[in-house]
């Protein structure tokens, strides 16, 4: 899902980015997956797989909701950095339930 539309989404968020900047943006988003994975692994033995997945889906839902509400106002104000952070958090949250 994300890998197909990610270049288009990044172009909307940061339209003036060069090829090198786009590569760094993609690496930053991918790094969020690593960060979320490393943060969630220690919690699995304490919470259990089912609870971890429920928390992951809840986190993903909340970030998706915030991104959906904030997208148009932030895009109109050219606040690409804020959109980028929300999008990176959304990508990272996918890994909570997939670890």
PDB file of N, CA and C in Angstrom:
ATOM      1  N   UNK A   1       0.787  -1.182   0.000  1.00  0.00           N
ATOM      2  CA  UNK A   1       0.000   0.000   0.000  1.00  0.00           C
ATOM      3  C   UNK A   1       0.837   1.257   0.000  1.00  0.00           C
ATOM      4  N   UNK A   2       1.619   1.476   1.046  1.00  0.00           N
ATOM      5  CA  UNK A   2       2.389   2.724   1.130  1.00  0.00           C
ATOM      6  C   UNK A   2       3.433   2.845   0.036  1.00  0.00           C
ATOM      7  N   UNK A   3       4.088   1.756  -0.305  1.00  0.00           N
ATOM      8  CA  UNK A   3       5.187   1.852  -1.264  1.00  0.00           C
ATOM      9  C   UNK A   3       4.708   2.280  -2.643  1.00  0.00           C
ATOM     10  N   UNK A   4       3.468   1.982  -2.983  1.00  0.00           N
ATOM     11  CA  UNK A   4       2.950   2.399  -4.283  1.00  0.00           C
ATOM     12  C   UNK A   4       2.645   3.889  -4.328  1.00  0.00           C
ATOM     13  N   UNK A   5       2.085   4.428  -3.270  1.00  0.00           N
ATOM     14  CA  UNK A   5       1.667   5.827  -3.256  1.00  0.00           C
ATOM     15  C   UNK A   5       2.644   6.762  -2.556  1.00  0.00           C
ATOM     16  N   UNK A   6       3.634   6.226  -1.885  1.00  0.00           N
ATOM     17  CA  UNK A   6       4.528   7.065  -1.093  1.00  0.00           C
ATOM     18  C   UNK A   6       5.202   8.167  -1.906  1.00  0.00           C
ATOM     19  N   UNK A   7       5.725   7.907  -3.104  1.00  0.00           N
ATOM     20  CA  UNK A   7       6.333   9.014  -3.860  1.00  0.00           C
ATOM     21  C   UNK A   7       5.345  10.149  -4.153  1.00  0.00           C
ATOM     22  N   UNK A   8       4.120   9.799  -4.464  1.00  0.00           N
ATOM     23  CA  UNK A   8       3.107  10.825  -4.747  1.00  0.00           C
ATOM     24  C   UNK A   8       2.768  11.615  -3.479  1.00  0.00           C
ATOM     25  N   UNK A   9       2.635  10.915  -2.361  1.00  0.00           N
ATOM     26  CA  UNK A   9       2.320  11.575  -1.091  1.00  0.00           C
ATOM     27  C   UNK A   9       3.461  12.515  -0.700  1.00  0.00           C
ATOM     28  N   UNK A  10       4.690  12.060  -0.835  1.00  0.00           N
ATOM     29  CA  UNK A  10       5.838  12.904  -0.501  1.00  0.00           C
ATOM     30  C   UNK A  10       5.910  14.124  -1.411  1.00  0.00           C
ATOM     31  N   UNK A  11       5.548  13.963  -2.672  1.00  0.00           N
ATOM     32  CA  UNK A  11       5.574  15.092  -3.615  1.00  0.00           C
ATOM     33  C   UNK A  11       4.548  16.152  -3.210  1.00  0.00           C
ATOM     34  N   UNK A  12       3.404  15.724  -2.689  1.00  0.00           N
ATOM     35  CA  UNK A  12       2.395  16.681  -2.222  1.00  0.00           C
ATOM     36  C   UNK A  12       2.893  17.396  -0.966  1.00  0.00           C
ATOM     37  N   UNK A  13       3.522  16.642  -0.062  1.00  0.00           N
ATOM     38  CA  UNK A  13       3.993  17.227   1.193  1.00  0.00           C
ATOM     39  C   UNK A  13       5.155  18.180   0.980  1.00  0.00           C
ATOM     40  N   UNK A  14       6.107  17.757   0.191  1.00  0.00           N
ATOM     41  CA  UNK A  14       7.334  18.536  -0.011  1.00  0.00           C
ATOM     42  C   UNK A  14       7.612  18.647  -1.513  1.00  0.00           C
ATOM     43  N   UNK A  15       6.873  19.513  -2.209  1.00  0.00           N
ATOM     44  CA  UNK A  15       6.947  19.566  -3.675  1.00  0.00           C
ATOM     45  C   UNK A  15       8.281  20.051  -4.229  1.00  0.00           C
ATOM     46  N   UNK A  16       9.047  20.785  -3.468  1.00  0.00           N
ATOM     47  CA  UNK A  16      10.308  21.349  -3.958  1.00  0.00           C
ATOM     48  C   UNK A  16      11.507  20.433  -3.711  1.00  0.00           C
ATOM     49  N   UNK A  17      11.284  19.241  -3.199  1.00  0.00           N
ATOM     50  CA  UNK A  17      12.389  18.350  -2.827  1.00  0.00           C
ATOM     51  C   UNK A  17      13.152  17.867  -4.061  1.00  0.00           C
ATOM     52  N   UNK A  18      14.468  17.825  -3.923  1.00  0.00           N
ATOM     53  CA  UNK A  18      15.312  17.273  -4.982  1.00  0.00           C
ATOM     54  C   UNK A  18      15.298  15.745  -4.870  1.00  0.00           C
ATOM     55  N   UNK A  19      15.956  15.094  -5.810  1.00  0.00           N
ATOM     56  CA  UNK A  19      16.028  13.628  -5.781  1.00  0.00           C
ATOM     57  C   UNK A  19      16.725  13.162  -4.501  1.00  0.00           C
ATOM     58  N   UNK A  20      17.789  13.852  -4.134  1.00  0.00           N
ATOM     59  CA  UNK A  20      18.526  13.482  -2.923  1.00  0.00           C
ATOM     60  C   UNK A  20      17.668  13.680  -1.676  1.00  0.00           C
ATOM     61  N   UNK A  21      16.934  14.781  -1.627  1.00  0.00           N
ATOM     62  CA  UNK A  21      16.058  15.031  -0.485  1.00  0.00           C
ATOM     63  C   UNK A  21      14.940  13.994  -0.419  1.00  0.00           C
ATOM     64  N   UNK A  22      14.415  13.608  -1.571  1.00  0.00           N
ATOM     65  CA  UNK A  22      13.374  12.573  -1.598  1.00  0.00           C
ATOM     66  C   UNK A  22      13.908  11.246  -1.082  1.00  0.00           C
ATOM     67  N   UNK A  23      15.166  10.941  -1.427  1.00  0.00           N
ATOM     68  CA  UNK A  23      15.778   9.702  -0.933  1.00  0.00           C
ATOM     69  C   UNK A  23      15.912   9.736   0.586  1.00  0.00           C
ATOM     70  N   UNK A  24      16.317  10.883   1.129  1.00  0.00           N
ATOM     71  CA  UNK A  24      16.444  11.025   2.585  1.00  0.00           C
ATOM     72  C   UNK A  24      15.070  10.912   3.243  1.00  0.00           C
ATOM     73  N   UNK A  25      14.049  11.497   2.630  1.00  0.00           N
ATOM     74  CA  UNK A  25      12.683  11.395   3.163  1.00  0.00           C
ATOM     75  C   UNK A  25      12.239   9.939   3.211  1.00  0.00           C
ATOM     76  N   UNK A  26      12.490   9.194   2.144  1.00  0.00           N
ATOM     77  CA  UNK A  26      12.121   7.778   2.112  1.00  0.00           C
ATOM     78  C   UNK A  26      12.864   6.992   3.178  1.00  0.00           C
ATOM     79  N   UNK A  27      14.142   7.298   3.370  1.00  0.00           N
ATOM     80  CA  UNK A  27      14.905   6.612   4.416  1.00  0.00           C
ATOM     81  C   UNK A  27      14.381   6.966   5.802  1.00  0.00           C
ATOM     82  N   UNK A  28      13.978   8.210   5.991  1.00  0.00           N
ATOM     83  CA  UNK A  28      13.415   8.622   7.278  1.00  0.00           C
ATOM     84  C   UNK A  28      12.133   7.883   7.601  1.00  0.00           C
ATOM     85  N   UNK A  29      11.295   7.724   6.595  1.00  0.00           N
ATOM     86  CA  UNK A  29      10.042   6.990   6.801  1.00  0.00           C
ATOM     87  C   UNK A  29      10.335   5.523   7.099  1.00  0.00           C
ATOM     88  N   UNK A  30      11.258   4.933   6.344  1.00  0.00           N
ATOM     89  CA  UNK A  30      11.620   3.534   6.599  1.00  0.00           C
ATOM     90  C   UNK A  30      12.231   3.372   7.992  1.00  0.00           C
ATOM     91  N   UNK A  31      13.007   4.361   8.429  1.00  0.00           N
ATOM     92  CA  UNK A  31      13.622   4.294   9.760  1.00  0.00           C
ATOM     93  C   UNK A  31      12.571   4.275  10.862  1.00  0.00           C
ATOM     94  N   UNK A  32      11.433   4.903  10.624  1.00  0.00           N
ATOM     95  CA  UNK A  32      10.362   4.875  11.628  1.00  0.00           C
ATOM     96  C   UNK A  32       9.891   3.443  11.868  1.00  0.00           C
ATOM     97  N   UNK A  33       9.886   2.632  10.826  1.00  0.00           N
ATOM     98  CA  UNK A  33       9.533   1.226  10.997  1.00  0.00           C
ATOM     99  C   UNK A  33      10.508   0.522  11.925  1.00  0.00           C
ATOM    100  N   UNK A  34      11.791   0.829  11.769  1.00  0.00           N
ATOM    101  CA  UNK A  34      12.807   0.230  12.634  1.00  0.00           C
ATOM    102  C   UNK A  34      12.624   0.708  14.076  1.00  0.00           C
ATOM    103  N   UNK A  35      12.417   2.005  14.246  1.00  0.00           N
ATOM    104  CA  UNK A  35      12.249   2.570  15.593  1.00  0.00           C
ATOM    105  C   UNK A  35      11.047   1.942  16.295  1.00  0.00           C
ATOM    106  N   UNK A  36       9.905   1.898  15.609  1.00  0.00           N
ATOM    107  CA  UNK A  36       8.705   1.324  16.222  1.00  0.00           C
ATOM    108  C   UNK A  36       8.912  -0.154  16.543  1.00  0.00           C
ATOM    109  N   UNK A  37       9.590  -0.880  15.657  1.00  0.00           N
ATOM    110  CA  UNK A  37       9.844  -2.298  15.904  1.00  0.00           C
ATOM    111  C   UNK A  37      10.701  -2.484  17.151  1.00  0.00           C
ATOM    112  N   UNK A  38      11.764  -1.705  17.258  1.00  0.00           N
ATOM    113  CA  UNK A  38      12.649  -1.826  18.418  1.00  0.00           C
ATOM    114  C   UNK A  38      11.966  -1.405  19.709  1.00  0.00           C
ATOM    115  N   UNK A  39      11.039  -0.469  19.626  1.00  0.00           N
ATOM    116  CA  UNK A  39      10.310  -0.052  20.825  1.00  0.00           C
ATOM    117  C   UNK A  39       9.258  -1.072  21.252  1.00  0.00           C
ATOM    118  N   UNK A  40       8.666  -1.774  20.302  1.00  0.00           N
ATOM    119  CA  UNK A  40       7.552  -2.667  20.631  1.00  0.00           C
ATOM    120  C   UNK A  40       8.025  -4.063  21.052  1.00  0.00           C
ATOM    121  N   UNK A  41       9.174  -4.504  20.581  1.00  0.00           N
ATOM    122  CA  UNK A  41       9.639  -5.861  20.904  1.00  0.00           C
ATOM    123  C   UNK A  41       9.704  -6.114  22.411  1.00  0.00           C
ATOM    124  N   UNK A  42      10.256  -5.211  23.221  1.00  0.00           N
ATOM    125  CA  UNK A  42      10.306  -5.488  24.665  1.00  0.00           C
ATOM    126  C   UNK A  42       8.930  -5.546  25.334  1.00  0.00           C
ATOM    127  N   UNK A  43       7.916  -4.977  24.721  1.00  0.00           N
ATOM    128  CA  UNK A  43       6.592  -4.977  25.355  1.00  0.00           C
ATOM    129  C   UNK A  43       5.798  -6.248  25.079  1.00  0.00           C
ATOM    130  N   UNK A  44       6.187  -7.003  24.070  1.00  0.00           N
ATOM    131  CA  UNK A  44       5.406  -8.197  23.706  1.00  0.00           C
ATOM    132  C   UNK A  44       5.332  -9.209  24.845  1.00  0.00           C
ATOM    133  N   UNK A  45       6.451  -9.557  25.522  1.00  0.00           N
ATOM    134  CA  UNK A  45       6.325 -10.516  26.626  1.00  0.00           C
ATOM    135  C   UNK A  45       5.437 -10.011  27.767  1.00  0.00           C
ATOM    136  N   UNK A  46       5.423  -8.702  27.991  1.00  0.00           N
ATOM    137  CA  UNK A  46       4.630  -8.138  29.086  1.00  0.00           C
ATOM    138  C   UNK A  46       3.153  -8.046  28.729  1.00  0.00           C
ATOM    139  N   UNK A  47       2.865  -7.596  27.511  1.00  0.00           N
ATOM    140  CA  UNK A  47       1.471  -7.377  27.107  1.00  0.00           C
ATOM    141  C   UNK A  47       0.839  -8.583  26.420  1.00  0.00           C
ATOM    142  N   UNK A  48       1.654  -9.375  25.752  1.00  0.00           N
ATOM    143  CA  UNK A  48       1.127 -10.473  24.958  1.00  0.00           C
ATOM    144  C   UNK A  48       0.884 -10.007  23.525  1.00  0.00           C
ATOM    145  N   UNK A  49       0.841 -10.963  22.622  1.00  0.00           N
ATOM    146  CA  UNK A  49       0.696 -10.648  21.200  1.00  0.00           C
ATOM    147  C   UNK A  49      -0.647  -9.995  20.908  1.00  0.00           C
ATOM    148  N   UNK A  50      -1.699 -10.556  21.455  1.00  0.00           N
ATOM    149  CA  UNK A  50      -3.043 -10.039  21.161  1.00  0.00           C
ATOM    150  C   UNK A  50      -3.198  -8.589  21.620  1.00  0.00           C
ATOM    151  N   UNK A  51      -2.793  -8.304  22.833  1.00  0.00           N
ATOM    152  CA  UNK A  51      -2.899  -6.941  23.362  1.00  0.00           C
ATOM    153  C   UNK A  51      -2.010  -5.988  22.568  1.00  0.00           C
ATOM    154  N   UNK A  52      -0.814  -6.445  22.193  1.00  0.00           N
ATOM    155  CA  UNK A  52       0.083  -5.615  21.391  1.00  0.00           C
ATOM    156  C   UNK A  52      -0.559  -5.276  20.054  1.00  0.00           C
ATOM    157  N   UNK A  53      -1.181  -6.264  19.422  1.00  0.00           N
ATOM    158  CA  UNK A  53      -1.840  -6.002  18.146  1.00  0.00           C
ATOM    159  C   UNK A  53      -3.017  -5.046  18.306  1.00  0.00           C
ATOM    160  N   UNK A  54      -3.788  -5.216  19.350  1.00  0.00           N
ATOM    161  CA  UNK A  54      -4.917  -4.304  19.596  1.00  0.00           C
ATOM    162  C   UNK A  54      -4.401  -2.882  19.796  1.00  0.00           C
ATOM    163  N   UNK A  55      -3.340  -2.742  20.582  1.00  0.00           N
ATOM    164  CA  UNK A  55      -2.743  -1.414  20.783  1.00  0.00           C
ATOM    165  C   UNK A  55      -2.215  -0.852  19.463  1.00  0.00           C
ATOM    166  N   UNK A  56      -1.636  -1.709  18.646  1.00  0.00           N
ATOM    167  CA  UNK A  56      -1.133  -1.277  17.343  1.00  0.00           C
ATOM    168  C   UNK A  56      -2.237  -0.782  16.434  1.00  0.00           C
ATOM    169  N   UNK A  57      -3.336  -1.530  16.378  1.00  0.00           N
ATOM    170  CA  UNK A  57      -4.464  -1.095  15.551  1.00  0.00           C
ATOM    171  C   UNK A  57      -5.057   0.208  16.080  1.00  0.00           C
ATOM    172  N   UNK A  58      -5.137   0.346  17.400  1.00  0.00           N
ATOM    173  CA  UNK A  58      -5.664   1.583  17.987  1.00  0.00           C
ATOM    174  C   UNK A  58      -4.747   2.767  17.675  1.00  0.00           C
ATOM    175  N   UNK A  59      -3.451   2.561  17.800  1.00  0.00           N
ATOM    176  CA  UNK A  59      -2.480   3.608  17.490  1.00  0.00           C
ATOM    177  C   UNK A  59      -2.563   3.999  16.018  1.00  0.00           C
ATOM    178  N   UNK A  60      -2.631   3.001  15.155  1.00  0.00           N
ATOM    179  CA  UNK A  60      -2.745   3.255  13.722  1.00  0.00           C
ATOM    180  C   UNK A  60      -4.016   4.023  13.397  1.00  0.00           C
ATOM    181  N   UNK A  61      -5.108   3.658  14.032  1.00  0.00           N
ATOM    182  CA  UNK A  61      -6.383   4.345  13.809  1.00  0.00           C
ATOM    183  C   UNK A  61      -6.296   5.803  14.220  1.00  0.00           C
ATOM    184  N   UNK A  62      -5.709   6.059  15.377  1.00  0.00           N
ATOM    185  CA  UNK A  62      -5.616   7.434  15.870  1.00  0.00           C
ATOM    186  C   UNK A  62      -4.720   8.294  14.972  1.00  0.00           C
ATOM    187  N   UNK A  63      -3.585   7.752  14.570  1.00  0.00           N
ATOM    188  CA  UNK A  63      -2.687   8.517  13.699  1.00  0.00           C
ATOM    189  C   UNK A  63      -3.344   8.757  12.344  1.00  0.00           C
ATOM    190  N   UNK A  64      -4.036   7.749  11.814  1.00  0.00           N
ATOM    191  CA  UNK A  64      -4.748   7.920  10.538  1.00  0.00           C
ATOM    192  C   UNK A  64      -5.803   9.005  10.650  1.00  0.00           C
ATOM    193  N   UNK A  65      -6.525   9.017  11.754  1.00  0.00           N
ATOM    194  CA  UNK A  65      -7.562  10.025  11.969  1.00  0.00           C
ATOM    195  C   UNK A  65      -6.959  11.427  12.052  1.00  0.00           C
ATOM    196  N   UNK A  66      -5.889  11.574  12.811  1.00  0.00           N
ATOM    197  CA  UNK A  66      -5.235  12.882  12.930  1.00  0.00           C
ATOM    198  C   UNK A  66      -4.701  13.334  11.570  1.00  0.00           C
ATOM    199  N   UNK A  67      -4.089  12.425  10.834  1.00  0.00           N
ATOM    200  CA  UNK A  67      -3.559  12.768   9.514  1.00  0.00           C
ATOM    201  C   UNK A  67      -4.676  13.171   8.563  1.00  0.00           C
ATOM    202  N   UNK A  68      -5.788  12.455   8.599  1.00  0.00           N
ATOM    203  CA  UNK A  68      -6.922  12.784   7.727  1.00  0.00           C
ATOM    204  C   UNK A  68      -7.504  14.157   8.057  1.00  0.00           C
ATOM    205  N   UNK A  69      -7.612  14.465   9.336  1.00  0.00           N
ATOM    206  CA  UNK A  69      -8.165  15.761   9.749  1.00  0.00           C
ATOM    207  C   UNK A  69      -7.184  16.894   9.429  1.00  0.00           C
ATOM    208  N   UNK A  70      -5.903  16.650   9.638  1.00  0.00           N
ATOM    209  CA  UNK A  70      -4.901  17.706   9.483  1.00  0.00           C
ATOM    210  C   UNK A  70      -4.428  17.899   8.045  1.00  0.00           C
ATOM    211  N   UNK A  71      -4.668  16.930   7.179  1.00  0.00           N
ATOM    212  CA  UNK A  71      -4.071  16.961   5.836  1.00  0.00           C
ATOM    213  C   UNK A  71      -4.386  18.246   5.077  1.00  0.00           C
ATOM    214  N   UNK A  72      -5.649  18.544   4.863  1.00  0.00           N
ATOM    215  CA  UNK A  72      -6.017  19.701   4.043  1.00  0.00           C
ATOM    216  C   UNK A  72      -5.550  21.020   4.652  1.00  0.00           C
ATOM    217  N   UNK A  73      -5.821  21.278   5.942  1.00  0.00           N
ATOM    218  CA  UNK A  73      -5.338  22.553   6.496  1.00  0.00           C
ATOM    219  C   UNK A  73      -3.813  22.707   6.428  1.00  0.00           C
ATOM    220  N   UNK A  74      -3.089  21.640   6.732  1.00  0.00           N
ATOM    221  CA  UNK A  74      -1.628  21.731   6.700  1.00  0.00           C
ATOM    222  C   UNK A  74      -1.103  21.840   5.273  1.00  0.00           C
ATOM    223  N   UNK A  75      -1.730  21.134   4.332  1.00  0.00           N
ATOM    224  CA  UNK A  75      -1.303  21.217   2.933  1.00  0.00           C
ATOM    225  C   UNK A  75      -1.553  22.612   2.377  1.00  0.00           C
ATOM    226  N   UNK A  76      -2.679  23.210   2.728  1.00  0.00           N
ATOM    227  CA  UNK A  76      -2.986  24.565   2.259  1.00  0.00           C
ATOM    228  C   UNK A  76      -2.013  25.592   2.822  1.00  0.00           C
ATOM    229  N   UNK A  77      -1.538  25.364   4.038  1.00  0.00           N
ATOM    230  CA  UNK A  77      -0.582  26.283   4.673  1.00  0.00           C
ATOM    231  C   UNK A  77       0.861  25.933   4.325  1.00  0.00           C
ATOM    232  N   UNK A  78       1.040  24.947   3.451  1.00  0.00           N
ATOM    233  CA  UNK A  78       2.381  24.508   3.038  1.00  0.00           C
ATOM    234  C   UNK A  78       3.213  24.033   4.225  1.00  0.00           C
ATOM    235  N   UNK A  79       2.582  23.314   5.155  1.00  0.00           N
ATOM    236  CA  UNK A  79       3.250  22.765   6.334  1.00  0.00           C
ATOM    237  C   UNK A  79       3.668  21.319   6.067  1.00  0.00           C
ATOM    238  N   UNK A  80       4.516  21.141   5.051  1.00  0.00           N
ATOM    239  CA  UNK A  80       4.940  19.806   4.655  1.00  0.00           C
ATOM    240  C   UNK A  80       5.684  19.051   5.737  1.00  0.00           C
ATOM    241  N   UNK A  81       6.432  19.762   6.572  1.00  0.00           N
ATOM    242  CA  UNK A  81       7.178  19.095   7.644  1.00  0.00           C
ATOM    243  C   UNK A  81       6.267  18.404   8.639  1.00  0.00           C
ATOM    244  N   UNK A  82       5.186  19.074   9.012  1.00  0.00           N
ATOM    245  CA  UNK A  82       4.230  18.473   9.951  1.00  0.00           C
ATOM    246  C   UNK A  82       3.547  17.267   9.319  1.00  0.00           C
ATOM    247  N   UNK A  83       3.191  17.383   8.048  1.00  0.00           N
ATOM    248  CA  UNK A  83       2.580  16.249   7.351  1.00  0.00           C
ATOM    249  C   UNK A  83       3.557  15.086   7.257  1.00  0.00           C
ATOM    250  N   UNK A  84       4.820  15.397   7.011  1.00  0.00           N
ATOM    251  CA  UNK A  84       5.834  14.352   6.918  1.00  0.00           C
ATOM    252  C   UNK A  84       5.957  13.588   8.233  1.00  0.00           C
ATOM    253  N   UNK A  85       5.970  14.306   9.339  1.00  0.00           N
ATOM    254  CA  UNK A  85       6.068  13.661  10.657  1.00  0.00           C
ATOM    255  C   UNK A  85       4.867  12.750  10.891  1.00  0.00           C
ATOM    256  N   UNK A  86       3.669  13.240  10.604  1.00  0.00           N
ATOM    257  CA  UNK A  86       2.462  12.416  10.785  1.00  0.00           C
ATOM    258  C   UNK A  86       2.493  11.189   9.884  1.00  0.00           C
ATOM    259  N   UNK A  87       2.927  11.371   8.646  1.00  0.00           N
ATOM    260  CA  UNK A  87       2.994  10.250   7.708  1.00  0.00           C
ATOM    261  C   UNK A  87       4.035   9.222   8.160  1.00  0.00           C
ATOM    262  N   UNK A  88       5.175   9.695   8.641  1.00  0.00           N
ATOM    263  CA  UNK A  88       6.207   8.777   9.136  1.00  0.00           C
ATOM    264  C   UNK A  88       5.706   8.012  10.361  1.00  0.00           C
ATOM    265  N   UNK A  89       4.984   8.693  11.246  1.00  0.00           N
ATOM    266  CA  UNK A  89       4.399   8.010  12.407  1.00  0.00           C
ATOM    267  C   UNK A  89       3.371   6.969  11.966  1.00  0.00           C
ATOM    268  N   UNK A  90       2.589   7.306  10.947  1.00  0.00           N
ATOM    269  CA  UNK A  90       1.611   6.349  10.430  1.00  0.00           C
ATOM    270  C   UNK A  90       2.314   5.102   9.916  1.00  0.00           C
ATOM    271  N   UNK A  91       3.373   5.294   9.128  1.00  0.00           N
ATOM    272  CA  UNK A  91       4.117   4.150   8.617  1.00  0.00           C
ATOM    273  C   UNK A  91       4.712   3.333   9.761  1.00  0.00           C
ATOM    274  N   UNK A  92       5.300   4.005  10.731  1.00  0.00           N
ATOM    275  CA  UNK A  92       5.881   3.294  11.867  1.00  0.00           C
ATOM    276  C   UNK A  92       4.851   2.514  12.652  1.00  0.00           C
ATOM    277  N   UNK A  93       3.639   3.063  12.750  1.00  0.00           N
ATOM    278  CA  UNK A  93       2.599   2.384  13.533  1.00  0.00           C
ATOM    279  C   UNK A  93       2.159   1.068  12.901  1.00  0.00           C
ATOM    280  N   UNK A  94       2.383   0.899  11.598  1.00  0.00           N
ATOM    281  CA  UNK A  94       2.047  -0.384  10.964  1.00  0.00           C
ATOM    282  C   UNK A  94       2.846  -1.520  11.586  1.00  0.00           C
ATOM    283  N   UNK A  95       4.049  -1.213  12.056  1.00  0.00           N
ATOM    284  CA  UNK A  95       4.936  -2.243  12.574  1.00  0.00           C
ATOM    285  C   UNK A  95       4.574  -2.696  13.974  1.00  0.00           C
ATOM    286  N   UNK A  96       3.760  -1.932  14.697  1.00  0.00           N
ATOM    287  CA  UNK A  96       3.360  -2.353  16.044  1.00  0.00           C
ATOM    288  C   UNK A  96       2.618  -3.675  15.966  1.00  0.00           C
ATOM    289  N   UNK A  97       1.675  -3.776  15.045  1.00  0.00           N
ATOM    290  CA  UNK A  97       0.876  -4.998  14.973  1.00  0.00           C
ATOM    291  C   UNK A  97       1.500  -6.065  14.086  1.00  0.00           C
ATOM    292  N   UNK A  98       2.585  -5.734  13.388  1.00  0.00           N
ATOM    293  CA  UNK A  98       3.204  -6.700  12.488  1.00  0.00           C
ATOM    294  C   UNK A  98       4.486  -7.314  13.027  1.00  0.00           C
ATOM    295  N   UNK A  99       4.860  -6.961  14.253  1.00  0.00           N
ATOM    296  CA  UNK A  99       6.092  -7.524  14.823  1.00  0.00           C
ATOM    297  C   UNK A  99       5.792  -8.877  15.266  1.00  0.00           C
TER     298      UNK A  99
END
